[in-house]
Amino acid sequence: MKRVLLAVALLATGCSGDDTPVVRVGEVQRTTVAETVDAPGSVGARARATVSAPTDAKVEQVLVQDGATVAAGAVLVRLSSPSAQERLRQAQAAQASAAGGAISLPRADLGPVQ
């Protein structure tokens, strides 16, 4: 550190044009230097994923926080879809009807052709 102060003193005397050397002595201290730099730039994610549902639904509840790490197969949101609920009801009714033997299928007449 003494070499730095000596070099600064020599440079200061060489540039002043005056023959009288001006030397200032001070105590060296550690401090935090706060400097703001305004520069253009861009920030981007390392990876992107588009999450979509192939249905007409309304998001009822988001189950993860923004930026959270999730595992494959994790439930991210709960959806509400009246049309999907209606299709489910119809499918369940059809299944119940089929289980009860209420389905009538046409029978083929496999007799000889005349």
N, C-alpha and C. Protein backbone atom coordinates (compact mmCIF):
# COMPACT_ATOMS: atom_id res chain seq x y z
N MET A 1 0.82 -1.19 0.00
CA MET A 1 0.00 0.00 0.00
C MET A 1 0.87 1.26 0.00
N LYS A 2 2.07 1.17 0.66
CA LYS A 2 2.98 2.32 0.69
C LYS A 2 3.48 2.64 -0.71
N ARG A 3 3.65 1.61 -1.53
CA ARG A 3 4.12 1.83 -2.91
C ARG A 3 3.08 2.61 -3.71
N VAL A 4 1.79 2.31 -3.46
CA VAL A 4 0.72 3.01 -4.18
C VAL A 4 0.71 4.47 -3.79
N LEU A 5 0.84 4.77 -2.49
CA LEU A 5 0.84 6.17 -2.05
C LEU A 5 2.05 6.91 -2.61
N LEU A 6 3.21 6.25 -2.62
CA LEU A 6 4.41 6.87 -3.16
C LEU A 6 4.25 7.15 -4.66
N ALA A 7 3.66 6.21 -5.39
CA ALA A 7 3.44 6.40 -6.82
C ALA A 7 2.47 7.55 -7.07
N VAL A 8 1.44 7.65 -6.26
CA VAL A 8 0.48 8.75 -6.41
C VAL A 8 1.15 10.08 -6.11
N ALA A 9 1.99 10.10 -5.08
CA ALA A 9 2.70 11.34 -4.74
C ALA A 9 3.64 11.76 -5.85
N LEU A 10 4.36 10.82 -6.43
CA LEU A 10 5.28 11.13 -7.52
C LEU A 10 4.54 11.63 -8.76
N LEU A 11 3.43 11.00 -9.07
CA LEU A 11 2.64 11.44 -10.22
C LEU A 11 2.08 12.83 -10.00
N ALA A 12 1.62 13.09 -8.78
CA ALA A 12 1.04 14.40 -8.49
C ALA A 12 2.09 15.50 -8.59
N THR A 13 3.30 15.24 -8.14
CA THR A 13 4.34 16.27 -8.23
C THR A 13 4.82 16.45 -9.65
N GLY A 14 4.85 15.40 -10.42
CA GLY A 14 5.31 15.50 -11.80
C GLY A 14 4.33 16.23 -12.69
N CYS A 15 3.04 16.25 -12.36
CA CYS A 15 2.01 16.86 -13.20
C CYS A 15 1.66 18.28 -12.78
N SER A 16 2.11 18.72 -11.62
CA SER A 16 1.65 20.01 -11.11
C SER A 16 2.36 21.19 -11.77
N GLY A 17 3.58 20.98 -12.27
CA GLY A 17 4.31 22.09 -12.88
C GLY A 17 4.98 22.96 -11.84
N ASP A 18 4.71 22.74 -10.60
CA ASP A 18 5.32 23.49 -9.51
C ASP A 18 6.45 22.66 -8.93
N ASP A 19 7.53 23.32 -8.52
CA ASP A 19 8.67 22.58 -7.97
C ASP A 19 8.44 22.11 -6.54
N THR A 20 7.46 22.69 -5.85
CA THR A 20 7.19 22.30 -4.48
C THR A 20 6.27 21.07 -4.47
N PRO A 21 6.76 19.96 -3.95
CA PRO A 21 5.91 18.76 -3.92
C PRO A 21 4.79 18.88 -2.89
N VAL A 22 3.61 18.43 -3.31
CA VAL A 22 2.46 18.42 -2.42
C VAL A 22 2.13 16.96 -2.13
N VAL A 23 2.26 16.61 -0.88
CA VAL A 23 1.99 15.22 -0.49
C VAL A 23 0.93 15.25 0.60
N ARG A 24 -0.11 14.48 0.39
CA ARG A 24 -1.14 14.35 1.42
C ARG A 24 -1.10 12.91 1.94
N VAL A 25 -1.08 12.80 3.21
CA VAL A 25 -1.03 11.48 3.83
C VAL A 25 -2.37 11.22 4.50
N GLY A 26 -2.90 10.04 4.30
CA GLY A 26 -4.16 9.68 4.92
C GLY A 26 -4.15 8.22 5.31
N GLU A 27 -5.06 7.87 6.16
CA GLU A 27 -5.17 6.49 6.63
C GLU A 27 -6.03 5.70 5.65
N VAL A 28 -5.56 4.53 5.31
CA VAL A 28 -6.29 3.66 4.39
C VAL A 28 -7.38 2.94 5.16
N GLN A 29 -8.59 2.93 4.61
CA GLN A 29 -9.72 2.26 5.25
C GLN A 29 -10.49 1.46 4.22
N ARG A 30 -11.09 0.38 4.70
CA ARG A 30 -12.00 -0.39 3.83
C ARG A 30 -13.37 0.27 3.88
N THR A 31 -14.03 0.31 2.74
CA THR A 31 -15.37 0.86 2.67
C THR A 31 -16.11 0.23 1.50
N THR A 32 -17.39 0.38 1.48
CA THR A 32 -18.21 -0.14 0.38
C THR A 32 -18.39 0.97 -0.63
N VAL A 33 -18.11 0.67 -1.86
CA VAL A 33 -18.28 1.64 -2.93
C VAL A 33 -19.60 1.32 -3.63
N ALA A 34 -20.51 2.25 -3.59
CA ALA A 34 -21.80 2.07 -4.26
C ALA A 34 -21.75 2.81 -5.58
N GLU A 35 -21.93 2.07 -6.64
CA GLU A 35 -21.87 2.67 -7.97
C GLU A 35 -23.04 2.13 -8.78
N THR A 36 -23.73 3.01 -9.44
CA THR A 36 -24.86 2.61 -10.28
C THR A 36 -24.45 2.74 -11.73
N VAL A 37 -24.70 1.68 -12.48
CA VAL A 37 -24.39 1.69 -13.90
C VAL A 37 -25.68 1.44 -14.67
N ASP A 38 -26.05 2.36 -15.52
CA ASP A 38 -27.21 2.18 -16.39
C ASP A 38 -26.72 1.65 -17.72
N ALA A 39 -27.19 0.45 -18.09
CA ALA A 39 -26.76 -0.15 -19.34
C ALA A 39 -27.90 -0.98 -19.90
N PRO A 40 -28.02 -1.04 -21.21
CA PRO A 40 -29.08 -1.86 -21.80
C PRO A 40 -28.75 -3.35 -21.63
N GLY A 41 -29.78 -4.15 -21.58
CA GLY A 41 -29.58 -5.59 -21.45
C GLY A 41 -30.93 -6.30 -21.47
N SER A 42 -30.87 -7.60 -21.43
CA SER A 42 -32.11 -8.37 -21.38
C SER A 42 -31.92 -9.55 -20.44
N VAL A 43 -33.01 -9.95 -19.82
CA VAL A 43 -33.01 -11.08 -18.90
C VAL A 43 -33.97 -12.11 -19.46
N GLY A 44 -33.56 -13.36 -19.47
CA GLY A 44 -34.42 -14.43 -19.99
C GLY A 44 -34.30 -15.68 -19.13
N ALA A 45 -35.33 -16.47 -19.18
CA ALA A 45 -35.34 -17.73 -18.43
C ALA A 45 -34.44 -18.75 -19.12
N ARG A 46 -33.88 -19.69 -18.34
CA ARG A 46 -33.06 -20.75 -18.91
C ARG A 46 -33.92 -21.72 -19.72
N ALA A 47 -35.15 -21.92 -19.30
CA ALA A 47 -36.05 -22.84 -20.00
C ALA A 47 -37.47 -22.28 -19.93
N ARG A 48 -38.25 -22.62 -20.93
CA ARG A 48 -39.64 -22.18 -20.98
C ARG A 48 -40.54 -23.38 -21.21
N ALA A 49 -41.75 -23.29 -20.71
CA ALA A 49 -42.74 -24.35 -20.94
C ALA A 49 -44.10 -23.69 -21.07
N THR A 50 -44.84 -24.10 -22.07
CA THR A 50 -46.20 -23.62 -22.24
C THR A 50 -47.14 -24.66 -21.66
N VAL A 51 -47.97 -24.22 -20.73
CA VAL A 51 -48.92 -25.11 -20.09
C VAL A 51 -50.30 -24.74 -20.61
N SER A 52 -51.00 -25.72 -21.17
CA SER A 52 -52.33 -25.45 -21.68
C SER A 52 -53.22 -26.65 -21.43
N ALA A 53 -54.51 -26.41 -21.40
CA ALA A 53 -55.49 -27.47 -21.21
C ALA A 53 -56.38 -27.51 -22.45
N PRO A 54 -56.56 -28.69 -23.05
CA PRO A 54 -57.40 -28.78 -24.26
C PRO A 54 -58.88 -28.80 -23.90
N THR A 55 -59.36 -27.80 -23.20
CA THR A 55 -60.75 -27.74 -22.80
C THR A 55 -61.17 -26.30 -22.57
N ASP A 56 -62.46 -26.09 -22.56
CA ASP A 56 -62.98 -24.77 -22.22
C ASP A 56 -63.24 -24.77 -20.72
N ALA A 57 -62.32 -24.21 -19.98
CA ALA A 57 -62.41 -24.27 -18.53
C ALA A 57 -61.98 -22.95 -17.92
N LYS A 58 -62.39 -22.76 -16.69
CA LYS A 58 -62.02 -21.58 -15.92
C LYS A 58 -61.07 -22.05 -14.82
N VAL A 59 -59.98 -21.29 -14.60
CA VAL A 59 -59.04 -21.63 -13.53
C VAL A 59 -59.69 -21.27 -12.20
N GLU A 60 -59.89 -22.29 -11.38
CA GLU A 60 -60.51 -22.08 -10.07
C GLU A 60 -59.46 -21.84 -8.99
N GLN A 61 -58.32 -22.55 -9.09
CA GLN A 61 -57.30 -22.44 -8.04
C GLN A 61 -55.93 -22.73 -8.64
N VAL A 62 -54.96 -21.89 -8.32
CA VAL A 62 -53.57 -22.10 -8.71
C VAL A 62 -52.86 -22.70 -7.50
N LEU A 63 -52.25 -23.87 -7.67
CA LEU A 63 -51.69 -24.62 -6.54
C LEU A 63 -50.18 -24.45 -6.36
N VAL A 64 -49.52 -23.69 -7.22
CA VAL A 64 -48.07 -23.46 -7.10
C VAL A 64 -47.80 -21.96 -7.14
N GLN A 65 -46.68 -21.59 -6.54
CA GLN A 65 -46.26 -20.19 -6.55
C GLN A 65 -45.49 -19.89 -7.83
N ASP A 66 -45.50 -18.66 -8.24
CA ASP A 66 -44.77 -18.23 -9.43
C ASP A 66 -43.28 -18.49 -9.24
N GLY A 67 -42.66 -19.15 -10.21
CA GLY A 67 -41.24 -19.44 -10.15
C GLY A 67 -40.88 -20.71 -9.38
N ALA A 68 -41.88 -21.43 -8.85
CA ALA A 68 -41.61 -22.64 -8.06
C ALA A 68 -41.14 -23.78 -8.96
N THR A 69 -40.33 -24.66 -8.40
CA THR A 69 -39.90 -25.86 -9.10
C THR A 69 -40.96 -26.93 -8.86
N VAL A 70 -41.38 -27.59 -9.93
CA VAL A 70 -42.42 -28.62 -9.81
C VAL A 70 -41.92 -29.93 -10.40
N ALA A 71 -42.50 -31.02 -9.93
CA ALA A 71 -42.15 -32.35 -10.42
C ALA A 71 -43.09 -32.73 -11.55
N ALA A 72 -42.64 -33.65 -12.38
CA ALA A 72 -43.47 -34.16 -13.48
C ALA A 72 -44.72 -34.80 -12.87
N GLY A 73 -45.87 -34.48 -13.44
CA GLY A 73 -47.12 -35.06 -12.97
C GLY A 73 -47.77 -34.29 -11.83
N ALA A 74 -47.14 -33.24 -11.34
CA ALA A 74 -47.70 -32.47 -10.23
C ALA A 74 -48.92 -31.69 -10.71
N VAL A 75 -49.91 -31.56 -9.84
CA VAL A 75 -51.11 -30.77 -10.15
C VAL A 75 -50.75 -29.30 -9.96
N LEU A 76 -50.92 -28.50 -11.01
CA LEU A 76 -50.56 -27.09 -10.96
C LEU A 76 -51.77 -26.19 -10.71
N VAL A 77 -52.91 -26.53 -11.33
CA VAL A 77 -54.12 -25.73 -11.19
C VAL A 77 -55.34 -26.64 -11.12
N ARG A 78 -56.39 -26.12 -10.57
CA ARG A 78 -57.68 -26.82 -10.59
C ARG A 78 -58.59 -26.02 -11.52
N LEU A 79 -59.24 -26.75 -12.44
CA LEU A 79 -60.09 -26.12 -13.44
C LEU A 79 -61.55 -26.45 -13.17
N SER A 80 -62.41 -25.57 -13.64
CA SER A 80 -63.85 -25.78 -13.55
C SER A 80 -64.41 -25.66 -14.96
N SER A 81 -65.11 -26.73 -15.42
CA SER A 81 -65.67 -26.72 -16.76
C SER A 81 -67.06 -27.36 -16.74
N PRO A 82 -68.11 -26.54 -16.84
CA PRO A 82 -69.47 -27.09 -16.86
C PRO A 82 -69.69 -28.06 -18.03
N SER A 83 -69.12 -27.80 -19.19
CA SER A 83 -69.33 -28.69 -20.33
C SER A 83 -68.63 -30.04 -20.09
N ALA A 84 -67.46 -30.02 -19.47
CA ALA A 84 -66.77 -31.28 -19.16
C ALA A 84 -67.54 -32.05 -18.10
N GLN A 85 -68.10 -31.35 -17.13
CA GLN A 85 -68.92 -32.02 -16.11
C GLN A 85 -70.14 -32.68 -16.74
N GLU A 86 -70.75 -32.02 -17.71
CA GLU A 86 -71.93 -32.58 -18.39
C GLU A 86 -71.53 -33.81 -19.20
N ARG A 87 -70.42 -33.75 -19.91
CA ARG A 87 -69.95 -34.92 -20.66
C ARG A 87 -69.64 -36.09 -19.73
N LEU A 88 -69.06 -35.80 -18.57
CA LEU A 88 -68.78 -36.84 -17.58
C LEU A 88 -70.08 -37.46 -17.08
N ARG A 89 -71.07 -36.63 -16.79
CA ARG A 89 -72.37 -37.14 -16.33
C ARG A 89 -72.99 -38.04 -17.37
N GLN A 90 -72.94 -37.64 -18.64
CA GLN A 90 -73.50 -38.46 -19.72
C GLN A 90 -72.75 -39.78 -19.86
N ALA A 91 -71.44 -39.75 -19.76
CA ALA A 91 -70.65 -40.98 -19.87
C ALA A 91 -70.93 -41.91 -18.70
N GLN A 92 -71.10 -41.36 -17.50
CA GLN A 92 -71.42 -42.21 -16.35
C GLN A 92 -72.81 -42.83 -16.50
N ALA A 93 -73.76 -42.06 -17.04
CA ALA A 93 -75.11 -42.59 -17.26
C ALA A 93 -75.07 -43.71 -18.30
N ALA A 94 -74.27 -43.52 -19.35
CA ALA A 94 -74.15 -44.55 -20.38
C ALA A 94 -73.50 -45.80 -19.82
N GLN A 95 -72.52 -45.63 -18.97
CA GLN A 95 -71.86 -46.78 -18.35
C GLN A 95 -72.82 -47.53 -17.44
N ALA A 96 -73.59 -46.81 -16.66
CA ALA A 96 -74.56 -47.44 -15.77
C ALA A 96 -75.62 -48.18 -16.58
N SER A 97 -76.04 -47.60 -17.67
CA SER A 97 -77.04 -48.23 -18.53
C SER A 97 -76.47 -49.50 -19.16
N ALA A 98 -75.21 -49.45 -19.58
CA ALA A 98 -74.59 -50.62 -20.19
C ALA A 98 -74.38 -51.72 -19.16
N ALA A 99 -74.05 -51.36 -17.95
CA ALA A 99 -73.84 -52.35 -16.90
C ALA A 99 -75.15 -53.04 -16.53
N GLY A 100 -76.27 -52.34 -16.69
CA GLY A 100 -77.58 -52.91 -16.37
C GLY A 100 -78.15 -53.76 -17.50
N GLY A 101 -77.48 -53.83 -18.60
CA GLY A 101 -77.95 -54.63 -19.73
C GLY A 101 -79.09 -54.00 -20.50
N ALA A 102 -79.25 -52.70 -20.40
CA ALA A 102 -80.36 -52.03 -21.06
C ALA A 102 -80.03 -51.65 -22.50
N ILE A 103 -78.90 -52.07 -23.00
CA ILE A 103 -78.54 -51.72 -24.38
C ILE A 103 -79.11 -52.77 -25.31
N SER A 104 -79.78 -52.31 -26.33
CA SER A 104 -80.29 -53.25 -27.33
C SER A 104 -79.51 -53.06 -28.62
N LEU A 105 -78.88 -54.13 -29.07
CA LEU A 105 -78.09 -54.08 -30.28
C LEU A 105 -78.88 -54.74 -31.41
N PRO A 106 -78.80 -54.22 -32.61
CA PRO A 106 -79.47 -54.86 -33.73
C PRO A 106 -78.83 -56.22 -34.01
N ARG A 107 -79.65 -57.17 -34.41
CA ARG A 107 -79.14 -58.51 -34.70
C ARG A 107 -79.05 -58.68 -36.21
N ALA A 108 -77.99 -59.31 -36.59
CA ALA A 108 -77.81 -59.56 -38.02
C ALA A 108 -78.53 -60.86 -38.40
N ASP A 109 -79.17 -60.86 -39.55
CA ASP A 109 -79.82 -62.08 -40.06
C ASP A 109 -78.79 -62.77 -40.92
N LEU A 110 -78.21 -63.83 -40.38
CA LEU A 110 -77.15 -64.52 -41.08
C LEU A 110 -77.66 -65.78 -41.79
N GLY A 111 -78.92 -65.78 -42.12
CA GLY A 111 -79.49 -66.94 -42.82
C GLY A 111 -79.07 -66.97 -44.28
N PRO A 112 -79.38 -68.07 -44.98
CA PRO A 112 -79.00 -68.17 -46.40
C PRO A 112 -79.72 -67.13 -47.23
N VAL A 113 -79.02 -66.64 -48.23
CA VAL A 113 -79.58 -65.65 -49.15
C VAL A 113 -80.37 -66.39 -50.22
N GLN A 114 -81.55 -65.90 -50.56
CA GLN A 114 -82.38 -66.56 -51.56
C GLN A 114 -82.40 -65.81 -52.85
